[in-house]
Amino acid sequence: MRREPRPLTARQEAVLAVIRSWLTEHGHGPTVREIGARVGLSSTSSVAHQLGRLEARGLITRTGRDWSTCVLVEEPPARRPGLRSRGPGGGADRYERRPAP
């Protein structure tokens, strides 16, 4: 049984929005204190907790040790029902048969 992922909390959405806008404005990730100032959190521990949750969900990743090296993870395009990618096999139908040459 597959469980649906929980929606992001309002605070997580706010942190993601800050990271997204900061990356656009400055070209690098914000520090924990800069995120806290924009979101309204004075505790760096609570900001780090939110960042850890976003990282665990696969929405952000770090290229270094510090949170200021965080980048947004590219989201895969939404799949629409009825459309399938041919993928690397290129032409196999749903029964994995290949078209005749």
C-alpha atoms as a PDB file:
ATOM      1  CA  MET A   1       0.000   0.000   0.000  1.00  0.00           C
ATOM      2  CA  ARG A   2       1.445   3.342  -1.036  1.00  0.00           C
ATOM      3  CA  ARG A   3       0.818   6.373   1.144  1.00  0.00           C
ATOM      4  CA  GLU A   4       0.304   9.812  -0.336  1.00  0.00           C
ATOM      5  CA  PRO A   5       2.970  12.299   0.779  1.00  0.00           C
ATOM      6  CA  ARG A   6       1.826  14.851   3.303  1.00  0.00           C
ATOM      7  CA  PRO A   7       1.393  18.370   1.982  1.00  0.00           C
ATOM      8  CA  LEU A   8       3.975  20.959   2.944  1.00  0.00           C
ATOM      9  CA  THR A   9       3.260  23.049   6.001  1.00  0.00           C
ATOM     10  CA  ALA A  10       2.858  26.809   5.666  1.00  0.00           C
ATOM     11  CA  ARG A  11       6.266  27.295   7.268  1.00  0.00           C
ATOM     12  CA  GLN A  12       7.914  24.863   4.828  1.00  0.00           C
ATOM     13  CA  GLU A  13       6.272  26.666   1.911  1.00  0.00           C
ATOM     14  CA  ALA A  14       7.589  29.981   3.262  1.00  0.00           C
ATOM     15  CA  VAL A  15      11.130  28.616   3.639  1.00  0.00           C
ATOM     16  CA  LEU A  16      11.045  27.244   0.080  1.00  0.00           C
ATOM     17  CA  ALA A  17       9.810  30.598  -1.220  1.00  0.00           C
ATOM     18  CA  VAL A  18      12.658  32.400   0.563  1.00  0.00           C
ATOM     19  CA  ILE A  19      15.236  30.000  -0.881  1.00  0.00           C
ATOM     20  CA  ARG A  20      13.749  30.303  -4.371  1.00  0.00           C
ATOM     21  CA  SER A  21      13.730  34.132  -4.307  1.00  0.00           C
ATOM     22  CA  TRP A  22      17.179  34.356  -2.688  1.00  0.00           C
ATOM     23  CA  LEU A  23      18.689  32.098  -5.350  1.00  0.00           C
ATOM     24  CA  THR A  24      17.123  34.269  -8.040  1.00  0.00           C
ATOM     25  CA  GLU A  25      18.331  37.532  -6.457  1.00  0.00           C
ATOM     26  CA  HIS A  26      21.814  36.509  -5.304  1.00  0.00           C
ATOM     27  CA  GLY A  27      22.787  33.372  -7.215  1.00  0.00           C
ATOM     28  CA  HIS A  28      23.585  31.395  -4.057  1.00  0.00           C
ATOM     29  CA  GLY A  29      21.607  30.069  -1.115  1.00  0.00           C
ATOM     30  CA  PRO A  30      20.719  32.127   1.961  1.00  0.00           C
ATOM     31  CA  THR A  31      22.208  31.488   5.386  1.00  0.00           C
ATOM     32  CA  VAL A  32      20.108  30.048   8.192  1.00  0.00           C
ATOM     33  CA  ARG A  33      19.887  33.486   9.831  1.00  0.00           C
ATOM     34  CA  GLU A  34      18.790  35.127   6.572  1.00  0.00           C
ATOM     35  CA  ILE A  35      16.041  32.547   6.124  1.00  0.00           C
ATOM     36  CA  GLY A  36      14.952  33.010   9.732  1.00  0.00           C
ATOM     37  CA  ALA A  37      14.793  36.791   9.339  1.00  0.00           C
ATOM     38  CA  ARG A  38      12.566  36.543   6.269  1.00  0.00           C
ATOM     39  CA  VAL A  39      10.301  33.825   7.652  1.00  0.00           C
ATOM     40  CA  GLY A  40      10.038  35.250  11.151  1.00  0.00           C
ATOM     41  CA  LEU A  41      11.976  32.607  13.080  1.00  0.00           C
ATOM     42  CA  SER A  42      14.564  33.842  15.541  1.00  0.00           C
ATOM     43  CA  SER A  43      15.858  30.372  16.419  1.00  0.00           C
ATOM     44  CA  THR A  44      18.468  29.039  14.003  1.00  0.00           C
ATOM     45  CA  SER A  45      17.690  25.564  15.306  1.00  0.00           C
ATOM     46  CA  SER A  46      14.076  25.770  14.145  1.00  0.00           C
ATOM     47  CA  VAL A  47      15.192  27.029  10.715  1.00  0.00           C
ATOM     48  CA  ALA A  48      17.683  24.147  10.463  1.00  0.00           C
ATOM     49  CA  HIS A  49      14.890  21.746  11.430  1.00  0.00           C
ATOM     50  CA  GLN A  50      12.681  23.031   8.604  1.00  0.00           C
ATOM     51  CA  LEU A  51      15.583  22.786   6.155  1.00  0.00           C
ATOM     52  CA  GLY A  52      16.268  19.232   7.295  1.00  0.00           C
ATOM     53  CA  ARG A  53      12.648  18.258   6.688  1.00  0.00           C
ATOM     54  CA  LEU A  54      12.741  19.788   3.187  1.00  0.00           C
ATOM     55  CA  GLU A  55      15.981  17.966   2.466  1.00  0.00           C
ATOM     56  CA  ALA A  56      14.511  14.674   3.697  1.00  0.00           C
ATOM     57  CA  ARG A  57      11.567  15.154   1.328  1.00  0.00           C
ATOM     58  CA  GLY A  58      13.975  15.677  -1.562  1.00  0.00           C
ATOM     59  CA  LEU A  59      12.949  19.277  -2.270  1.00  0.00           C
ATOM     60  CA  ILE A  60      16.352  20.808  -1.536  1.00  0.00           C
ATOM     61  CA  THR A  61      19.889  19.499  -1.408  1.00  0.00           C
ATOM     62  CA  ARG A  62      23.232  20.854  -0.290  1.00  0.00           C
ATOM     63  CA  THR A  63      26.374  20.976  -2.379  1.00  0.00           C
ATOM     64  CA  GLY A  64      28.521  21.528   0.705  1.00  0.00           C
ATOM     65  CA  ARG A  65      28.317  21.249   4.460  1.00  0.00           C
ATOM     66  CA  ASP A  66      26.550  24.549   5.182  1.00  0.00           C
ATOM     67  CA  TRP A  67      22.895  25.311   4.499  1.00  0.00           C
ATOM     68  CA  SER A  68      23.944  28.320   2.435  1.00  0.00           C
ATOM     69  CA  THR A  69      24.986  25.835  -0.256  1.00  0.00           C
ATOM     70  CA  CYS A  70      21.437  24.541  -0.636  1.00  0.00           C
ATOM     71  CA  VAL A  71      19.818  24.390  -4.043  1.00  0.00           C
ATOM     72  CA  LEU A  72      16.345  23.471  -5.163  1.00  0.00           C
ATOM     73  CA  VAL A  73      15.925  19.984  -6.561  1.00  0.00           C
ATOM     74  CA  GLU A  74      14.394  19.982 -10.006  1.00  0.00           C
ATOM     75  CA  GLU A  75      10.883  18.637  -9.833  1.00  0.00           C
ATOM     76  CA  PRO A  76      10.014  16.071 -12.490  1.00  0.00           C
ATOM     77  CA  PRO A  77       7.258  17.202 -14.853  1.00  0.00           C
ATOM     78  CA  ALA A  78       3.792  16.183 -13.769  1.00  0.00           C
ATOM     79  CA  ARG A  79       2.609  13.034 -15.493  1.00  0.00           C
ATOM     80  CA  ARG A  80      -0.748  13.138 -17.142  1.00  0.00           C
ATOM     81  CA  PRO A  81      -2.853   9.985 -17.231  1.00  0.00           C
ATOM     82  CA  GLY A  82      -2.807   8.208 -20.550  1.00  0.00           C
ATOM     83  CA  LEU A  83       0.540   9.586 -21.687  1.00  0.00           C
ATOM     84  CA  ARG A  84       3.598   7.407 -21.407  1.00  0.00           C
ATOM     85  CA  SER A  85       7.186   8.085 -22.165  1.00  0.00           C
ATOM     86  CA  ARG A  86       8.867   5.693 -24.518  1.00  0.00           C
ATOM     87  CA  GLY A  87      11.991   6.060 -22.447  1.00  0.00           C
ATOM     88  CA  PRO A  88      15.303   4.567 -23.453  1.00  0.00           C
ATOM     89  CA  GLY A  89      13.675   1.566 -25.182  1.00  0.00           C
ATOM     90  CA  GLY A  90      12.056   3.940 -27.642  1.00  0.00           C
ATOM     91  CA  GLY A  91       9.056   2.202 -29.162  1.00  0.00           C
ATOM     92  CA  ALA A  92       8.139  -0.721 -27.001  1.00  0.00           C
ATOM     93  CA  ASP A  93       4.400  -0.907 -26.523  1.00  0.00           C
ATOM     94  CA  ARG A  94       2.806  -1.754 -23.204  1.00  0.00           C
ATOM     95  CA  TYR A  95       3.424  -5.475 -23.789  1.00  0.00           C
ATOM     96  CA  GLU A  96       7.148  -4.762 -24.308  1.00  0.00           C
ATOM     97  CA  ARG A  97       6.975  -5.765 -27.965  1.00  0.00           C
ATOM     98  CA  ARG A  98       9.098  -3.815 -30.341  1.00  0.00           C
ATOM     99  CA  PRO A  99       7.772  -2.692 -33.739  1.00  0.00           C
ATOM    100  CA  ALA A 100       8.968  -4.716 -36.733  1.00  0.00           C
ATOM    101  CA  PRO A 101      11.891  -3.101 -38.611  1.00  0.00           C
END
